[in-house]
Amino acid sequence: MSGELQAAQAARLRAEEQRWLAQSADRLREAVARSRARRETSTGTNR
């Protein structure tokens, strides 16, 4: 019984962790895209 409870808890934790990681990755990509666009417009280079 406690083993099943632990397994369910672990699965829920993993799901939350995956969701958090996905959100973090999305925010990181958006920030990088914003800074890259800002750098390109300010310098005029396409690197």
Protein backbone atom coordinates (compact mmCIF):
# COMPACT_ATOMS: atom_id res chain seq x y z
CA MET A 1 0.00 0.00 0.00
CA SER A 2 2.70 2.49 0.94
CA GLY A 3 4.69 1.37 -2.08
CA GLU A 4 1.80 2.20 -4.40
CA LEU A 5 1.37 5.55 -2.67
CA GLN A 6 5.06 6.33 -3.13
CA ALA A 7 4.91 5.32 -6.80
CA ALA A 8 1.90 7.56 -7.42
CA GLN A 9 3.61 10.41 -5.59
CA ALA A 10 6.80 9.93 -7.60
CA ALA A 11 4.85 9.87 -10.87
CA ARG A 12 3.06 13.09 -9.91
CA LEU A 13 6.36 14.71 -8.98
CA ARG A 14 7.92 13.68 -12.29
CA ALA A 15 4.95 15.09 -14.21
CA GLU A 16 5.22 18.40 -12.36
CA GLU A 17 8.96 18.46 -12.97
CA GLN A 18 8.49 17.84 -16.70
CA ARG A 19 5.90 20.62 -16.91
CA TRP A 20 8.20 23.00 -15.05
CA LEU A 21 11.15 22.12 -17.28
CA ALA A 22 9.05 22.66 -20.42
CA GLN A 23 7.89 26.06 -19.17
CA SER A 24 11.45 27.05 -18.28
CA ALA A 25 12.69 25.99 -21.71
CA ASP A 26 9.94 28.00 -23.39
CA ARG A 27 10.77 31.11 -21.35
CA LEU A 28 14.46 30.66 -22.10
CA ARG A 29 13.81 30.36 -25.84
CA GLU A 30 11.61 33.46 -25.80
CA ALA A 31 14.24 35.45 -23.92
CA VAL A 32 16.97 34.33 -26.32
CA ALA A 33 14.83 35.20 -29.34
CA ARG A 34 14.08 38.63 -27.88
CA SER A 35 17.70 39.43 -27.08
CA ARG A 36 18.84 38.12 -30.47
CA ALA A 37 16.26 40.29 -32.29
CA ARG A 38 17.26 43.29 -30.21
CA ARG A 39 20.95 42.72 -30.97
CA GLU A 40 20.29 42.34 -34.70
CA THR A 41 18.27 45.54 -34.92
CA SER A 42 20.83 47.54 -32.92
CA THR A 43 23.95 46.36 -34.76
CA GLY A 44 22.50 45.63 -38.17
CA THR A 45 24.29 42.28 -38.48
CA ASN A 46 22.56 39.01 -39.27
CA ARG A 47 24.79 36.79 -37.15
